[in-house]
All heavy atoms as atom14 arrays in JSON, in Angstrom:
{
  "sequence": "MLMTNFHLPRSTLFMLVSAFSGLETMRSAYAHAIDNRYRFYSYGDAS",
  "atom14_mask": [
    [1, 1, 1, 1, 1, 1, 1, 1, 0, 0, 0, 0, 0, 0],
    [1, 1, 1, 1, 1, 1, 1, 1, 0, 0, 0, 0, 0, 0],
    [1, 1, 1, 1, 1, 1, 1, 1, 0, 0, 0, 0, 0, 0],
    [1, 1, 1, 1, 1, 1, 1, 0, 0, 0, 0, 0, 0, 0],
    [1, 1, 1, 1, 1, 1, 1, 1, 0, 0, 0, 0, 0, 0],
    [1, 1, 1, 1, 1, 1, 1, 1, 1, 1, 1, 0, 0, 0],
    [1, 1, 1, 1, 1, 1, 1, 1, 1, 1, 0, 0, 0, 0],
    [1, 1, 1, 1, 1, 1, 1, 1, 0, 0, 0, 0, 0, 0],
    [1, 1, 1, 1, 1, 1, 1, 0, 0, 0, 0, 0, 0, 0],
    [1, 1, 1, 1, 1, 1, 1, 1, 1, 1, 1, 0, 0, 0],
    [1, 1, 1, 1, 1, 1, 0, 0, 0, 0, 0, 0, 0, 0],
    [1, 1, 1, 1, 1, 1, 1, 0, 0, 0, 0, 0, 0, 0],
    [1, 1, 1, 1, 1, 1, 1, 1, 0, 0, 0, 0, 0, 0],
    [1, 1, 1, 1, 1, 1, 1, 1, 1, 1, 1, 0, 0, 0],
    [1, 1, 1, 1, 1, 1, 1, 1, 0, 0, 0, 0, 0, 0],
    [1, 1, 1, 1, 1, 1, 1, 1, 0, 0, 0, 0, 0, 0],
    [1, 1, 1, 1, 1, 1, 1, 0, 0, 0, 0, 0, 0, 0],
    [1, 1, 1, 1, 1, 1, 0, 0, 0, 0, 0, 0, 0, 0],
    [1, 1, 1, 1, 1, 0, 0, 0, 0, 0, 0, 0, 0, 0],
    [1, 1, 1, 1, 1, 1, 1, 1, 1, 1, 1, 0, 0, 0],
    [1, 1, 1, 1, 1, 1, 0, 0, 0, 0, 0, 0, 0, 0],
    [1, 1, 1, 1, 0, 0, 0, 0, 0, 0, 0, 0, 0, 0],
    [1, 1, 1, 1, 1, 1, 1, 1, 0, 0, 0, 0, 0, 0],
    [1, 1, 1, 1, 1, 1, 1, 1, 1, 0, 0, 0, 0, 0],
    [1, 1, 1, 1, 1, 1, 1, 0, 0, 0, 0, 0, 0, 0],
    [1, 1, 1, 1, 1, 1, 1, 1, 0, 0, 0, 0, 0, 0],
    [1, 1, 1, 1, 1, 1, 1, 1, 1, 1, 1, 0, 0, 0],
    [1, 1, 1, 1, 1, 1, 0, 0, 0, 0, 0, 0, 0, 0],
    [1, 1, 1, 1, 1, 0, 0, 0, 0, 0, 0, 0, 0, 0],
    [1, 1, 1, 1, 1, 1, 1, 1, 1, 1, 1, 1, 0, 0],
    [1, 1, 1, 1, 1, 0, 0, 0, 0, 0, 0, 0, 0, 0],
    [1, 1, 1, 1, 1, 1, 1, 1, 1, 1, 0, 0, 0, 0],
    [1, 1, 1, 1, 1, 0, 0, 0, 0, 0, 0, 0, 0, 0],
    [1, 1, 1, 1, 1, 1, 1, 1, 0, 0, 0, 0, 0, 0],
    [1, 1, 1, 1, 1, 1, 1, 1, 0, 0, 0, 0, 0, 0],
    [1, 1, 1, 1, 1, 1, 1, 1, 0, 0, 0, 0, 0, 0],
    [1, 1, 1, 1, 1, 1, 1, 1, 1, 1, 1, 0, 0, 0],
    [1, 1, 1, 1, 1, 1, 1, 1, 1, 1, 1, 1, 0, 0],
    [1, 1, 1, 1, 1, 1, 1, 1, 1, 1, 1, 0, 0, 0],
    [1, 1, 1, 1, 1, 1, 1, 1, 1, 1, 1, 0, 0, 0],
    [1, 1, 1, 1, 1, 1, 1, 1, 1, 1, 1, 1, 0, 0],
    [1, 1, 1, 1, 1, 1, 0, 0, 0, 0, 0, 0, 0, 0],
    [1, 1, 1, 1, 1, 1, 1, 1, 1, 1, 1, 1, 0, 0],
    [1, 1, 1, 1, 0, 0, 0, 0, 0, 0, 0, 0, 0, 0],
    [1, 1, 1, 1, 1, 1, 1, 1, 0, 0, 0, 0, 0, 0],
    [1, 1, 1, 1, 1, 0, 0, 0, 0, 0, 0, 0, 0, 0],
    [1, 1, 1, 1, 1, 1, 0, 0, 0, 0, 0, 0, 0, 0]
  ],
  "atom14_positions": [
    [[135.4, 233.79, 126.59], [134.55, 232.62, 126.69], [134.11, 232.21, 125.29], [134.12, 233.02, 124.36], [133.33, 232.9, 127.6], [133.69, 233.33, 129.01], [132.23, 233.79, 130.0], [131.56, 232.17, 130.35], [0.0, 0.0, 0.0], [0.0, 0.0, 0.0], [0.0, 0.0, 0.0], [0.0, 0.0, 0.0], [0.0, 0.0, 0.0], [0.0, 0.0, 0.0]],
    [[133.69, 230.96, 125.19], [133.25, 230.4, 123.91], [132.02, 229.54, 124.14], [132.05, 228.61, 124.95], [134.37, 229.56, 123.28], [134.0, 228.71, 122.06], [133.61, 229.59, 120.88], [135.17, 227.79, 121.68], [0.0, 0.0, 0.0], [0.0, 0.0, 0.0], [0.0, 0.0, 0.0], [0.0, 0.0, 0.0], [0.0, 0.0, 0.0], [0.0, 0.0, 0.0]],
    [[130.94, 229.86, 123.44], [129.76, 229.01, 123.44], [129.79, 228.18, 122.18], [129.89, 228.72, 121.07], [128.48, 229.85, 123.5], [127.21, 229.03, 123.52], [125.74, 230.08, 123.69], [124.44, 228.86, 123.39], [0.0, 0.0, 0.0], [0.0, 0.0, 0.0], [0.0, 0.0, 0.0], [0.0, 0.0, 0.0], [0.0, 0.0, 0.0], [0.0, 0.0, 0.0]],
    [[129.72, 226.87, 122.32], [129.86, 226.01, 121.15], [129.16, 224.68, 121.4], [128.98, 224.26, 122.54], [131.35, 225.79, 120.83], [131.49, 225.03, 119.65], [132.08, 225.09, 121.98], [0.0, 0.0, 0.0], [0.0, 0.0, 0.0], [0.0, 0.0, 0.0], [0.0, 0.0, 0.0], [0.0, 0.0, 0.0], [0.0, 0.0, 0.0], [0.0, 0.0, 0.0]],
    [[128.77, 224.03, 120.32], [128.17, 222.7, 120.43], [129.25, 221.65, 120.68], [130.44, 221.96, 120.75], [127.39, 222.37, 119.16], [126.07, 223.12, 119.08], [125.86, 224.1, 119.77], [125.17, 222.68, 118.22], [0.0, 0.0, 0.0], [0.0, 0.0, 0.0], [0.0, 0.0, 0.0], [0.0, 0.0, 0.0], [0.0, 0.0, 0.0], [0.0, 0.0, 0.0]],
    [[128.85, 220.4, 120.79], [129.8, 219.3, 121.0], [130.24, 218.75, 119.65], [129.42, 218.49, 118.78], [129.14, 218.21, 121.85], [128.87, 218.66, 123.26], [127.63, 219.19, 123.6], [129.85, 218.59, 124.23], [127.38, 219.62, 124.89], [129.61, 219.03, 125.52], [128.37, 219.54, 125.86], [0.0, 0.0, 0.0], [0.0, 0.0, 0.0], [0.0, 0.0, 0.0]],
    [[131.54, 218.56, 119.51], [132.13, 218.29, 118.21], [132.57, 216.84, 118.02], [132.63, 216.06, 118.99], [133.32, 219.22, 118.0], [132.96, 220.66, 118.14], [132.1, 221.3, 117.27], [133.3, 221.59, 119.08], [131.94, 222.55, 117.66], [132.66, 222.76, 118.74], [0.0, 0.0, 0.0], [0.0, 0.0, 0.0], [0.0, 0.0, 0.0], [0.0, 0.0, 0.0]],
    [[132.89, 216.51, 116.77], [133.29, 215.15, 116.42], [134.66, 214.8, 117.0], [135.52, 215.67, 117.13], [133.37, 214.99, 114.89], [132.09, 214.82, 114.1], [131.31, 216.11, 114.02], [132.4, 214.32, 112.69], [0.0, 0.0, 0.0], [0.0, 0.0, 0.0], [0.0, 0.0, 0.0], [0.0, 0.0, 0.0], [0.0, 0.0, 0.0], [0.0, 0.0, 0.0]],
    [[134.87, 213.51, 117.31], [136.21, 213.09, 117.69], [137.19, 213.29, 116.55], [136.82, 213.23, 115.38], [136.03, 211.6, 118.03], [134.77, 211.19, 117.35], [133.91, 212.4, 117.3], [0.0, 0.0, 0.0], [0.0, 0.0, 0.0], [0.0, 0.0, 0.0], [0.0, 0.0, 0.0], [0.0, 0.0, 0.0], [0.0, 0.0, 0.0], [0.0, 0.0, 0.0]],
    [[138.44, 213.58, 116.89], [139.53, 213.76, 115.93], [139.28, 214.91, 114.96], [139.88, 214.97, 113.89], [139.79, 212.46, 115.14], [140.12, 211.26, 116.0], [140.22, 209.99, 115.19], [141.39, 210.01, 114.31], [142.56, 209.42, 114.58], [142.73, 208.78, 115.73], [143.55, 209.48, 113.71], [0.0, 0.0, 0.0], [0.0, 0.0, 0.0], [0.0, 0.0, 0.0]],
    [[138.39, 215.83, 115.31], [138.06, 216.94, 114.42], [138.87, 218.18, 114.78], [139.33, 218.36, 115.91], [136.56, 217.27, 114.52], [136.24, 217.75, 115.81], [0.0, 0.0, 0.0], [0.0, 0.0, 0.0], [0.0, 0.0, 0.0], [0.0, 0.0, 0.0], [0.0, 0.0, 0.0], [0.0, 0.0, 0.0], [0.0, 0.0, 0.0], [0.0, 0.0, 0.0]],
    [[139.0, 219.09, 113.81], [139.7, 220.34, 114.06], [138.97, 221.18, 115.11], [139.61, 221.96, 115.82], [139.85, 221.16, 112.77], [138.55, 221.48, 112.25], [140.65, 220.38, 111.73], [0.0, 0.0, 0.0], [0.0, 0.0, 0.0], [0.0, 0.0, 0.0], [0.0, 0.0, 0.0], [0.0, 0.0, 0.0], [0.0, 0.0, 0.0], [0.0, 0.0, 0.0]],
    [[137.65, 221.0, 115.22], [136.89, 221.79, 116.19], [137.09, 221.28, 117.61], [137.15, 222.07, 118.56], [135.4, 221.79, 115.82], [135.1, 222.38, 114.43], [133.61, 222.39, 114.18], [135.69, 223.77, 114.29], [0.0, 0.0, 0.0], [0.0, 0.0, 0.0], [0.0, 0.0, 0.0], [0.0, 0.0, 0.0], [0.0, 0.0, 0.0], [0.0, 0.0, 0.0]],
    [[137.22, 219.97, 117.79], [137.54, 219.46, 119.12], [138.96, 219.87, 119.5], [139.26, 220.13, 120.67], [137.38, 217.93, 119.19], [137.59, 217.38, 120.57], [136.8, 217.79, 121.63], [138.6, 216.47, 120.83], [137.01, 217.3, 122.92], [138.81, 215.97, 122.11], [138.01, 216.39, 123.16], [0.0, 0.0, 0.0], [0.0, 0.0, 0.0], [0.0, 0.0, 0.0]],
    [[139.85, 219.96, 118.52], [141.2, 220.46, 118.78], [141.15, 221.91, 119.24], [141.85, 222.32, 120.17], [142.06, 220.32, 117.54], [142.33, 218.88, 117.15], [143.12, 218.74, 115.52], [143.02, 216.95, 115.26], [0.0, 0.0, 0.0], [0.0, 0.0, 0.0], [0.0, 0.0, 0.0], [0.0, 0.0, 0.0], [0.0, 0.0, 0.0], [0.0, 0.0, 0.0]],
    [[140.27, 222.71, 118.6], [140.16, 224.13, 118.96], [139.66, 224.29, 120.4], [140.24, 225.06, 121.17], [139.23, 224.84, 117.98], [139.05, 226.35, 118.15], [138.73, 227.01, 116.83], [137.96, 226.68, 119.16], [0.0, 0.0, 0.0], [0.0, 0.0, 0.0], [0.0, 0.0, 0.0], [0.0, 0.0, 0.0], [0.0, 0.0, 0.0], [0.0, 0.0, 0.0]],
    [[138.59, 223.58, 120.76], [138.07, 223.74, 122.13], [139.07, 223.21, 123.15], [139.15, 223.72, 124.28], [136.69, 223.08, 122.31], [135.66, 223.74, 121.39], [136.71, 221.57, 122.08], [0.0, 0.0, 0.0], [0.0, 0.0, 0.0], [0.0, 0.0, 0.0], [0.0, 0.0, 0.0], [0.0, 0.0, 0.0], [0.0, 0.0, 0.0], [0.0, 0.0, 0.0]],
    [[139.86, 222.22, 122.77], [140.9, 221.71, 123.65], [142.01, 222.74, 123.84], [142.6, 222.85, 124.92], [141.49, 220.4, 123.11], [140.5, 219.39, 123.05], [0.0, 0.0, 0.0], [0.0, 0.0, 0.0], [0.0, 0.0, 0.0], [0.0, 0.0, 0.0], [0.0, 0.0, 0.0], [0.0, 0.0, 0.0], [0.0, 0.0, 0.0], [0.0, 0.0, 0.0]],
    [[142.29, 223.52, 122.8], [143.25, 224.61, 122.92], [142.69, 225.7, 123.83], [143.43, 226.34, 124.58], [143.56, 225.18, 121.54], [0.0, 0.0, 0.0], [0.0, 0.0, 0.0], [0.0, 0.0, 0.0], [0.0, 0.0, 0.0], [0.0, 0.0, 0.0], [0.0, 0.0, 0.0], [0.0, 0.0, 0.0], [0.0, 0.0, 0.0], [0.0, 0.0, 0.0]],
    [[141.38, 225.91, 123.76], [140.76, 227.02, 124.5], [140.67, 226.73, 126.01], [140.99, 227.6, 126.83], [139.35, 227.27, 123.94], [138.76, 228.58, 124.37], [139.12, 229.76, 123.73], [137.83, 228.65, 125.4], [138.58, 230.98, 124.12], [137.28, 229.85, 125.79], [137.66, 231.03, 125.16], [0.0, 0.0, 0.0], [0.0, 0.0, 0.0], [0.0, 0.0, 0.0]],
    [[140.25, 225.55, 126.36], [140.03, 225.23, 127.78], [140.94, 224.15, 128.33], [140.87, 223.84, 129.52], [138.56, 224.8, 128.0], [137.68, 225.87, 127.73], [0.0, 0.0, 0.0], [0.0, 0.0, 0.0], [0.0, 0.0, 0.0], [0.0, 0.0, 0.0], [0.0, 0.0, 0.0], [0.0, 0.0, 0.0], [0.0, 0.0, 0.0], [0.0, 0.0, 0.0]],
    [[141.78, 223.55, 127.47], [142.68, 222.5, 127.92], [142.19, 221.13, 127.49], [141.0, 220.82, 127.6], [0.0, 0.0, 0.0], [0.0, 0.0, 0.0], [0.0, 0.0, 0.0], [0.0, 0.0, 0.0], [0.0, 0.0, 0.0], [0.0, 0.0, 0.0], [0.0, 0.0, 0.0], [0.0, 0.0, 0.0], [0.0, 0.0, 0.0], [0.0, 0.0, 0.0]],
    [[143.12, 220.31, 126.99], [142.74, 219.0, 126.46], [142.12, 218.12, 127.53], [141.06, 217.52, 127.31], [143.96, 218.32, 125.83], [143.74, 216.89, 125.3], [142.61, 216.85, 124.28], [145.03, 216.35, 124.7], [0.0, 0.0, 0.0], [0.0, 0.0, 0.0], [0.0, 0.0, 0.0], [0.0, 0.0, 0.0], [0.0, 0.0, 0.0], [0.0, 0.0, 0.0]],
    [[142.74, 218.01, 128.69], [142.19, 217.13, 129.73], [140.85, 217.66, 130.24], [139.94, 216.88, 130.54], [143.2, 216.97, 130.87], [144.42, 216.16, 130.48], [144.04, 214.82, 129.83], [143.17, 214.11, 130.37], [144.6, 214.51, 128.76], [0.0, 0.0, 0.0], [0.0, 0.0, 0.0], [0.0, 0.0, 0.0], [0.0, 0.0, 0.0], [0.0, 0.0, 0.0]],
    [[140.74, 218.97, 130.34], [139.46, 219.56, 130.74], [138.36, 219.17, 129.77], [137.25, 218.78, 130.18], [139.57, 221.09, 130.8], [140.48, 221.46, 131.85], [138.21, 221.75, 131.1], [0.0, 0.0, 0.0], [0.0, 0.0, 0.0], [0.0, 0.0, 0.0], [0.0, 0.0, 0.0], [0.0, 0.0, 0.0], [0.0, 0.0, 0.0], [0.0, 0.0, 0.0]],
    [[138.64, 219.25, 128.47], [137.62, 218.96, 127.48], [137.34, 217.46, 127.38], [136.2, 217.05, 127.15], [138.01, 219.52, 126.11], [138.04, 221.05, 126.07], [136.58, 221.85, 126.79], [135.26, 221.16, 125.8], [0.0, 0.0, 0.0], [0.0, 0.0, 0.0], [0.0, 0.0, 0.0], [0.0, 0.0, 0.0], [0.0, 0.0, 0.0], [0.0, 0.0, 0.0]],
    [[138.35, 216.64, 127.57], [138.09, 215.19, 127.58], [137.16, 214.84, 128.74], [136.23, 214.04, 128.58], [139.41, 214.42, 127.68], [140.25, 214.49, 126.4], [141.5, 213.63, 126.5], [141.16, 212.22, 126.54], [141.0, 211.45, 125.48], [141.15, 211.97, 124.26], [140.69, 210.19, 125.6], [0.0, 0.0, 0.0], [0.0, 0.0, 0.0], [0.0, 0.0, 0.0]],
    [[137.37, 215.46, 129.88], [136.49, 215.22, 131.04], [135.09, 215.76, 130.79], [134.09, 215.13, 131.14], [137.09, 215.87, 132.29], [138.32, 215.28, 132.63], [0.0, 0.0, 0.0], [0.0, 0.0, 0.0], [0.0, 0.0, 0.0], [0.0, 0.0, 0.0], [0.0, 0.0, 0.0], [0.0, 0.0, 0.0], [0.0, 0.0, 0.0], [0.0, 0.0, 0.0]],
    [[135.02, 216.94, 130.18], [133.71, 217.54, 129.89], [132.92, 216.69, 128.91], [131.71, 216.47, 129.09], [133.91, 218.95, 129.32], [0.0, 0.0, 0.0], [0.0, 0.0, 0.0], [0.0, 0.0, 0.0], [0.0, 0.0, 0.0], [0.0, 0.0, 0.0], [0.0, 0.0, 0.0], [0.0, 0.0, 0.0], [0.0, 0.0, 0.0], [0.0, 0.0, 0.0]],
    [[133.58, 216.15, 127.88], [132.89, 215.32, 126.9], [132.47, 213.98, 127.52], [131.39, 213.46, 127.22], [133.75, 215.11, 125.66], [133.6, 216.21, 124.63], [133.65, 217.55, 125.0], [133.37, 215.92, 123.3], [133.5, 218.56, 124.06], [133.22, 216.92, 122.34], [133.28, 218.24, 122.74], [133.12, 219.24, 121.81], [0.0, 0.0, 0.0], [0.0, 0.0, 0.0]],
    [[133.3, 213.43, 128.38], [132.91, 212.2, 129.07], [131.67, 212.44, 129.92], [130.75, 211.61, 129.96], [134.08, 211.7, 129.93], [0.0, 0.0, 0.0], [0.0, 0.0, 0.0], [0.0, 0.0, 0.0], [0.0, 0.0, 0.0], [0.0, 0.0, 0.0], [0.0, 0.0, 0.0], [0.0, 0.0, 0.0], [0.0, 0.0, 0.0], [0.0, 0.0, 0.0]],
    [[131.63, 213.57, 130.62], [130.45, 213.93, 131.42], [129.22, 214.1, 130.51], [128.13, 213.61, 130.85], [130.74, 215.25, 132.16], [129.55, 215.8, 132.89], [129.27, 215.51, 134.21], [128.56, 216.65, 132.48], [128.17, 216.14, 134.58], [127.72, 216.84, 133.56], [0.0, 0.0, 0.0], [0.0, 0.0, 0.0], [0.0, 0.0, 0.0], [0.0, 0.0, 0.0]],
    [[129.4, 214.76, 129.39], [128.28, 214.98, 128.48], [127.73, 213.66, 127.94], [126.51, 213.47, 127.84], [128.71, 215.89, 127.33], [0.0, 0.0, 0.0], [0.0, 0.0, 0.0], [0.0, 0.0, 0.0], [0.0, 0.0, 0.0], [0.0, 0.0, 0.0], [0.0, 0.0, 0.0], [0.0, 0.0, 0.0], [0.0, 0.0, 0.0], [0.0, 0.0, 0.0]],
    [[128.62, 212.75, 127.6], [128.18, 211.45, 127.08], [127.46, 210.67, 128.17], [126.37, 210.12, 127.95], [129.38, 210.67, 126.54], [129.93, 211.34, 125.27], [129.0, 209.21, 126.23], [131.26, 210.81, 124.81], [0.0, 0.0, 0.0], [0.0, 0.0, 0.0], [0.0, 0.0, 0.0], [0.0, 0.0, 0.0], [0.0, 0.0, 0.0], [0.0, 0.0, 0.0]],
    [[128.02, 210.65, 129.38], [127.41, 209.89, 130.48], [126.06, 210.48, 130.88], [125.18, 209.74, 131.36], [128.34, 209.88, 131.7], [129.58, 209.03, 131.49], [129.59, 208.21, 130.54], [130.55, 209.19, 132.26], [0.0, 0.0, 0.0], [0.0, 0.0, 0.0], [0.0, 0.0, 0.0], [0.0, 0.0, 0.0], [0.0, 0.0, 0.0], [0.0, 0.0, 0.0]],
    [[125.9, 211.78, 130.7], [124.66, 212.45, 131.12], [123.72, 212.73, 129.95], [122.82, 213.56, 130.06], [125.0, 213.74, 131.86], [125.56, 213.47, 133.25], [124.81, 213.35, 134.22], [126.88, 213.38, 133.36], [0.0, 0.0, 0.0], [0.0, 0.0, 0.0], [0.0, 0.0, 0.0], [0.0, 0.0, 0.0], [0.0, 0.0, 0.0], [0.0, 0.0, 0.0]],
    [[123.94, 212.03, 128.86], [123.03, 212.0, 127.72], [122.81, 213.37, 127.07], [121.7, 213.71, 126.64], [121.68, 211.38, 128.1], [121.8, 210.0, 128.74], [120.46, 209.32, 128.9], [119.92, 208.95, 127.61], [120.26, 207.85, 126.92], [121.15, 207.01, 127.42], [119.7, 207.6, 125.76], [0.0, 0.0, 0.0], [0.0, 0.0, 0.0], [0.0, 0.0, 0.0]],
    [[123.87, 214.16, 127.01], [123.8, 215.37, 126.19], [123.67, 214.96, 124.73], [124.13, 213.89, 124.31], [125.06, 216.22, 126.38], [125.02, 217.15, 127.57], [125.12, 216.66, 128.87], [124.9, 218.53, 127.39], [125.09, 217.51, 129.96], [124.88, 219.39, 128.48], [124.97, 218.88, 129.76], [124.95, 219.73, 130.84], [0.0, 0.0, 0.0], [0.0, 0.0, 0.0]],
    [[123.06, 215.84, 123.93], [122.88, 215.6, 122.5], [124.02, 216.26, 121.75], [124.34, 217.43, 121.99], [121.51, 216.12, 122.06], [120.37, 215.48, 122.85], [119.06, 216.26, 122.72], [118.48, 216.1, 121.4], [118.36, 217.08, 120.51], [118.82, 218.29, 120.78], [117.79, 216.86, 119.35], [0.0, 0.0, 0.0], [0.0, 0.0, 0.0], [0.0, 0.0, 0.0]],
    [[124.62, 215.55, 120.81], [125.85, 216.0, 120.16], [125.62, 216.54, 118.74], [124.64, 216.22, 118.08], [126.85, 214.84, 120.08], [127.74, 214.73, 121.31], [127.19, 214.47, 122.55], [129.12, 214.89, 121.21], [128.0, 214.36, 123.68], [129.94, 214.79, 122.33], [129.38, 214.52, 123.56], [0.0, 0.0, 0.0], [0.0, 0.0, 0.0], [0.0, 0.0, 0.0]],
    [[126.59, 217.35, 118.33], [126.77, 217.84, 116.97], [125.8, 218.97, 116.61], [125.26, 219.65, 117.47], [126.75, 216.71, 115.95], [127.78, 215.62, 116.18], [127.65, 214.38, 115.6], [128.89, 215.83, 117.01], [128.59, 213.37, 115.8], [129.83, 214.83, 117.22], [129.68, 213.6, 116.61], [130.6, 212.62, 116.81], [0.0, 0.0, 0.0], [0.0, 0.0, 0.0]],
    [[125.56, 219.18, 115.32], [124.94, 220.42, 114.83], [123.59, 220.73, 115.45], [123.29, 221.88, 115.78], [124.8, 220.35, 113.31], [126.06, 220.33, 112.69], [0.0, 0.0, 0.0], [0.0, 0.0, 0.0], [0.0, 0.0, 0.0], [0.0, 0.0, 0.0], [0.0, 0.0, 0.0], [0.0, 0.0, 0.0], [0.0, 0.0, 0.0], [0.0, 0.0, 0.0]],
    [[122.74, 219.74, 115.61], [121.42, 219.95, 116.2], [121.4, 219.62, 117.69], [120.32, 219.53, 118.29], [120.38, 219.08, 115.47], [119.85, 219.67, 114.17], [119.33, 218.83, 113.19], [119.82, 221.04, 113.95], [118.81, 219.35, 112.0], [119.31, 221.56, 112.77], [118.81, 220.71, 111.8], [118.29, 221.23, 110.63], [0.0, 0.0, 0.0], [0.0, 0.0, 0.0]],
    [[122.55, 219.47, 118.29], [122.63, 219.03, 119.67], [122.69, 220.16, 120.68], [122.37, 221.32, 120.4], [0.0, 0.0, 0.0], [0.0, 0.0, 0.0], [0.0, 0.0, 0.0], [0.0, 0.0, 0.0], [0.0, 0.0, 0.0], [0.0, 0.0, 0.0], [0.0, 0.0, 0.0], [0.0, 0.0, 0.0], [0.0, 0.0, 0.0], [0.0, 0.0, 0.0]],
    [[123.12, 219.8, 121.89], [123.21, 220.75, 123.0], [124.48, 221.58, 122.89], [125.27, 221.43, 121.94], [123.17, 219.98, 124.32], [121.84, 219.26, 124.53], [120.79, 219.87, 124.26], [121.86, 218.1, 124.98], [0.0, 0.0, 0.0], [0.0, 0.0, 0.0], [0.0, 0.0, 0.0], [0.0, 0.0, 0.0], [0.0, 0.0, 0.0], [0.0, 0.0, 0.0]],
    [[124.7, 222.46, 123.87], [125.81, 223.4, 123.8], [126.66, 223.34, 125.06], [126.27, 222.77, 126.08], [125.28, 224.82, 123.58], [0.0, 0.0, 0.0], [0.0, 0.0, 0.0], [0.0, 0.0, 0.0], [0.0, 0.0, 0.0], [0.0, 0.0, 0.0], [0.0, 0.0, 0.0], [0.0, 0.0, 0.0], [0.0, 0.0, 0.0], [0.0, 0.0, 0.0]],
    [[127.81, 223.97, 124.95], [128.69, 224.15, 126.12], [129.1, 225.62, 126.16], [129.14, 226.3, 125.14], [129.92, 223.25, 126.0], [130.67, 223.54, 124.84], [0.0, 0.0, 0.0], [0.0, 0.0, 0.0], [0.0, 0.0, 0.0], [0.0, 0.0, 0.0], [0.0, 0.0, 0.0], [0.0, 0.0, 0.0], [0.0, 0.0, 0.0], [0.0, 0.0, 0.0]]
  ]
}
């Protein structure tokens, strides 16, 4: 398992989490986070 914050688009870190849990899974997770007002990046929420 991996606990991590929400990362920038087109970043190496979003690529890493997409490798870990699957690209479509992470695209859906980020869409959910955006729609549900999660806070992003270094001072933001976690997954």
